Amino acid sequence: GWTIMIIAAADNWGDPTSQVMARALSSSDGALLFAGDDRITITVDNESRHFTTDTAPTDGEYISIMIACESNGNMTCYINNVAQADTESLSSASKDLKLFSLGSSSGGFVGSVKQFLAWNQAFDGATRDNLHTWASSYID
């Protein structure tokens, strides 16, 4: 499994064009992007999964986006440590997320990124709580 976390503020979270926050060398390998007011898309080994968020973020406001992928391929998206109702799964538990850079020259992220972190495991609730406590100083 794995977990990624990004703390960012977009100038316009509702921009209908995809705003790429992080990407791999090849877009089919991996990308984390925010597409519109209520959707976060992640691409892992040529599989795109779309998380519909429970509420749209506020323009200019920093949020923490965490995506955790269990060893069985099940994924959960957390916004400010709140699990979103929409969960997704990869076709295989052996899919690895490959990220290379923040932003993109095409469909680039318009806003600010304060932190980007990645781990090679999915975290339990206590660890996510600790990470959120740490992240709160960047969000508030």
C-alpha atoms as a PDB file:
ATOM      1  CA  GLY A   1       0.000   0.000   0.000  1.00  0.00           C
ATOM      2  CA  TRP A   2       0.893   3.679  -0.081  1.00  0.00           C
ATOM      3  CA  THR A   3      -0.281   7.096   1.076  1.00  0.00           C
ATOM      4  CA  ILE A   4       0.222  10.511  -0.481  1.00  0.00           C
ATOM      5  CA  MET A   5      -0.594  13.862   1.061  1.00  0.00           C
ATOM      6  CA  ILE A   6      -0.582  17.305  -0.484  1.00  0.00           C
ATOM      7  CA  ILE A   7      -1.307  20.594   1.263  1.00  0.00           C
ATOM      8  CA  ALA A   8      -2.349  23.169  -1.291  1.00  0.00           C
ATOM      9  CA  ALA A   9      -4.534  26.164  -2.046  1.00  0.00           C
ATOM     10  CA  ALA A  10      -5.925  26.727  -5.530  1.00  0.00           C
ATOM     11  CA  ASP A  11      -6.796  30.152  -6.846  1.00  0.00           C
ATOM     12  CA  ASN A  12      -9.890  28.588  -8.413  1.00  0.00           C
ATOM     13  CA  TRP A  13     -10.755  25.068  -7.232  1.00  0.00           C
ATOM     14  CA  GLY A  14     -13.735  25.188  -9.584  1.00  0.00           C
ATOM     15  CA  ASP A  15     -11.682  25.685 -12.751  1.00  0.00           C
ATOM     16  CA  PRO A  16     -13.206  23.211 -15.214  1.00  0.00           C
ATOM     17  CA  THR A  17      -9.796  22.364 -16.660  1.00  0.00           C
ATOM     18  CA  SER A  18      -7.779  19.723 -14.885  1.00  0.00           C
ATOM     19  CA  GLN A  19      -5.233  21.217 -12.520  1.00  0.00           C
ATOM     20  CA  VAL A  20      -2.296  18.849 -12.224  1.00  0.00           C
ATOM     21  CA  MET A  21      -0.761  18.929  -8.740  1.00  0.00           C
ATOM     22  CA  ALA A  22       1.792  16.147  -9.190  1.00  0.00           C
ATOM     23  CA  ARG A  23       2.701  13.943 -12.124  1.00  0.00           C
ATOM     24  CA  ALA A  24       4.964  11.171 -13.327  1.00  0.00           C
ATOM     25  CA  LEU A  25       7.241  11.311 -16.374  1.00  0.00           C
ATOM     26  CA  SER A  26       4.378   9.799 -18.370  1.00  0.00           C
ATOM     27  CA  SER A  27       0.832  10.930 -17.570  1.00  0.00           C
ATOM     28  CA  SER A  28      -0.335   7.310 -17.798  1.00  0.00           C
ATOM     29  CA  ASP A  29       2.052   6.304 -15.000  1.00  0.00           C
ATOM     30  CA  GLY A  30       0.690   8.636 -12.374  1.00  0.00           C
ATOM     31  CA  ALA A  31      -0.945  11.963 -11.757  1.00  0.00           C
ATOM     32  CA  LEU A  32      -2.887  13.619  -8.985  1.00  0.00           C
ATOM     33  CA  LEU A  33      -5.172  16.323 -10.218  1.00  0.00           C
ATOM     34  CA  PHE A  34      -8.153  18.309  -9.149  1.00  0.00           C
ATOM     35  CA  ALA A  35     -10.840  18.514 -11.789  1.00  0.00           C
ATOM     36  CA  GLY A  36     -13.613  20.962 -10.991  1.00  0.00           C
ATOM     37  CA  ASP A  37     -15.343  21.706  -7.690  1.00  0.00           C
ATOM     38  CA  ASP A  38     -16.023  18.213  -6.540  1.00  0.00           C
ATOM     39  CA  ARG A  39     -13.621  15.718  -8.054  1.00  0.00           C
ATOM     40  CA  ILE A  40     -10.088  14.529  -7.414  1.00  0.00           C
ATOM     41  CA  THR A  41      -8.550  12.200  -9.967  1.00  0.00           C
ATOM     42  CA  ILE A  42      -5.553   9.967  -9.446  1.00  0.00           C
ATOM     43  CA  THR A  43      -3.884   7.888 -12.156  1.00  0.00           C
ATOM     44  CA  VAL A  44      -1.877   4.823 -11.136  1.00  0.00           C
ATOM     45  CA  ASP A  45      -0.214   2.570 -13.726  1.00  0.00           C
ATOM     46  CA  ASN A  46      -2.576   3.761 -16.479  1.00  0.00           C
ATOM     47  CA  GLU A  47      -5.724   3.442 -14.325  1.00  0.00           C
ATOM     48  CA  SER A  48      -7.578   6.653 -13.513  1.00  0.00           C
ATOM     49  CA  ARG A  49      -9.887   6.776 -10.534  1.00  0.00           C
ATOM     50  CA  HIS A  50     -12.138   9.726  -9.698  1.00  0.00           C
ATOM     51  CA  PHE A  51     -13.111  10.659  -6.148  1.00  0.00           C
ATOM     52  CA  THR A  52     -16.151  12.886  -5.770  1.00  0.00           C
ATOM     53  CA  THR A  53     -15.552  15.071  -2.732  1.00  0.00           C
ATOM     54  CA  ASP A  54     -18.273  15.626  -0.148  1.00  0.00           C
ATOM     55  CA  THR A  55     -17.952  19.431  -0.359  1.00  0.00           C
ATOM     56  CA  ALA A  56     -16.128  21.769  -2.730  1.00  0.00           C
ATOM     57  CA  PRO A  57     -12.993  23.460  -1.337  1.00  0.00           C
ATOM     58  CA  THR A  58     -12.947  27.249  -0.909  1.00  0.00           C
ATOM     59  CA  ASP A  59     -10.822  29.210  -3.393  1.00  0.00           C
ATOM     60  CA  GLY A  60      -7.537  30.351  -1.872  1.00  0.00           C
ATOM     61  CA  GLU A  61      -7.978  28.178   1.219  1.00  0.00           C
ATOM     62  CA  TYR A  62      -5.307  25.604   2.039  1.00  0.00           C
ATOM     63  CA  ILE A  63      -6.537  22.056   2.386  1.00  0.00           C
ATOM     64  CA  SER A  64      -4.929  18.709   3.018  1.00  0.00           C
ATOM     65  CA  ILE A  65      -5.661  16.034   0.429  1.00  0.00           C
ATOM     66  CA  MET A  66      -4.595  12.538   1.429  1.00  0.00           C
ATOM     67  CA  ILE A  67      -5.137   9.415  -0.642  1.00  0.00           C
ATOM     68  CA  ALA A  68      -4.446   6.078   0.999  1.00  0.00           C
ATOM     69  CA  CYS A  69      -4.225   2.866  -1.009  1.00  0.00           C
ATOM     70  CA  GLU A  70      -4.480  -0.368   0.985  1.00  0.00           C
ATOM     71  CA  SER A  71      -2.422  -3.395  -0.041  1.00  0.00           C
ATOM     72  CA  ASN A  72      -5.567  -4.845  -1.690  1.00  0.00           C
ATOM     73  CA  GLY A  73      -5.907  -1.815  -4.018  1.00  0.00           C
ATOM     74  CA  ASN A  74      -8.807  -0.137  -2.175  1.00  0.00           C
ATOM     75  CA  MET A  75      -8.349   3.638  -1.985  1.00  0.00           C
ATOM     76  CA  THR A  76      -9.816   6.309   0.283  1.00  0.00           C
ATOM     77  CA  CYS A  77      -9.519  10.068  -0.181  1.00  0.00           C
ATOM     78  CA  TYR A  78      -9.354  12.313   2.890  1.00  0.00           C
ATOM     79  CA  ILE A  79      -9.907  16.075   2.828  1.00  0.00           C
ATOM     80  CA  ASN A  80      -8.566  17.671   6.014  1.00  0.00           C
ATOM     81  CA  ASN A  81      -8.525  14.155   7.519  1.00  0.00           C
ATOM     82  CA  VAL A  82     -12.208  13.524   6.758  1.00  0.00           C
ATOM     83  CA  ALA A  83     -12.782  10.364   4.719  1.00  0.00           C
ATOM     84  CA  GLN A  84     -14.824  11.162   1.643  1.00  0.00           C
ATOM     85  CA  ALA A  85     -17.852   8.969   0.975  1.00  0.00           C
ATOM     86  CA  ASP A  86     -16.635   8.016  -2.506  1.00  0.00           C
ATOM     87  CA  THR A  87     -14.003   5.258  -2.371  1.00  0.00           C
ATOM     88  CA  GLU A  88     -12.251   3.658  -5.335  1.00  0.00           C
ATOM     89  CA  SER A  89     -10.287   0.494  -6.132  1.00  0.00           C
ATOM     90  CA  LEU A  90      -7.466  -0.420  -8.486  1.00  0.00           C
ATOM     91  CA  SER A  91      -7.740  -3.562 -10.597  1.00  0.00           C
ATOM     92  CA  SER A  92      -4.628  -5.015  -8.974  1.00  0.00           C
ATOM     93  CA  ALA A  93      -2.971  -4.602  -5.601  1.00  0.00           C
ATOM     94  CA  SER A  94       0.423  -4.565  -7.343  1.00  0.00           C
ATOM     95  CA  LYS A  95      -0.148  -1.108  -8.885  1.00  0.00           C
ATOM     96  CA  ASP A  96       2.511   1.394  -7.800  1.00  0.00           C
ATOM     97  CA  LEU A  97       2.126   5.157  -7.804  1.00  0.00           C
ATOM     98  CA  LYS A  98       4.984   6.868  -9.657  1.00  0.00           C
ATOM     99  CA  LEU A  99       5.328  10.616  -9.235  1.00  0.00           C
ATOM    100  CA  PHE A 100       8.065  12.802 -10.657  1.00  0.00           C
ATOM    101  CA  SER A 101       7.187  16.477 -10.303  1.00  0.00           C
ATOM    102  CA  LEU A 102       4.792  18.968  -8.779  1.00  0.00           C
ATOM    103  CA  GLY A 103       2.638  20.904 -11.211  1.00  0.00           C
ATOM    104  CA  SER A 104       2.804  20.621 -14.970  1.00  0.00           C
ATOM    105  CA  SER A 105       3.570  22.859 -17.918  1.00  0.00           C
ATOM    106  CA  SER A 106       0.234  21.813 -19.399  1.00  0.00           C
ATOM    107  CA  GLY A 107      -2.824  21.987 -17.159  1.00  0.00           C
ATOM    108  CA  GLY A 108      -0.611  23.303 -14.401  1.00  0.00           C
ATOM    109  CA  PHE A 109      -1.765  23.966 -10.892  1.00  0.00           C
ATOM    110  CA  VAL A 110      -2.677  27.623 -10.300  1.00  0.00           C
ATOM    111  CA  GLY A 111      -2.186  28.198  -6.606  1.00  0.00           C
ATOM    112  CA  SER A 112       0.301  27.258  -3.923  1.00  0.00           C
ATOM    113  CA  VAL A 113       1.619  23.931  -2.672  1.00  0.00           C
ATOM    114  CA  LYS A 114       3.049  23.975   0.834  1.00  0.00           C
ATOM    115  CA  GLN A 115       3.823  20.273   1.279  1.00  0.00           C
ATOM    116  CA  PHE A 116       3.829  17.059  -0.704  1.00  0.00           C
ATOM    117  CA  LEU A 117       4.555  13.795   1.074  1.00  0.00           C
ATOM    118  CA  ALA A 118       4.475  10.124   0.092  1.00  0.00           C
ATOM    119  CA  TRP A 119       4.808   6.916   2.084  1.00  0.00           C
ATOM    120  CA  ASN A 120       4.994   3.243   1.141  1.00  0.00           C
ATOM    121  CA  GLN A 121       2.094   2.194   3.371  1.00  0.00           C
ATOM    122  CA  ALA A 122      -1.518   3.012   4.081  1.00  0.00           C
ATOM    123  CA  PHE A 123      -1.996   4.521   7.544  1.00  0.00           C
ATOM    124  CA  ASP A 124      -4.419   3.668  10.318  1.00  0.00           C
ATOM    125  CA  GLY A 125      -6.652   6.301  11.903  1.00  0.00           C
ATOM    126  CA  ALA A 126      -4.239   7.199  14.709  1.00  0.00           C
ATOM    127  CA  THR A 127      -1.396   7.880  12.264  1.00  0.00           C
ATOM    128  CA  ARG A 128      -3.688   9.928  10.000  1.00  0.00           C
ATOM    129  CA  ASP A 129      -4.782  11.924  13.066  1.00  0.00           C
ATOM    130  CA  ASN A 130      -1.139  12.630  13.942  1.00  0.00           C
ATOM    131  CA  LEU A 131      -0.430  13.732  10.369  1.00  0.00           C
ATOM    132  CA  HIS A 132      -3.470  15.995  10.397  1.00  0.00           C
ATOM    133  CA  THR A 133      -2.320  17.570  13.670  1.00  0.00           C
ATOM    134  CA  TRP A 134       1.036  18.285  12.033  1.00  0.00           C
ATOM    135  CA  ALA A 135      -0.624  19.541   8.822  1.00  0.00           C
ATOM    136  CA  SER A 136      -2.970  21.881  10.712  1.00  0.00           C
ATOM    137  CA  SER A 137      -0.194  24.439  11.138  1.00  0.00           C
ATOM    138  CA  TYR A 138      -0.007  24.693   7.328  1.00  0.00           C
ATOM    139  CA  ILE A 139      -3.770  24.742   6.809  1.00  0.00           C
ATOM    140  CA  ASP A 140      -4.964  27.169   9.491  1.00  0.00           C
END
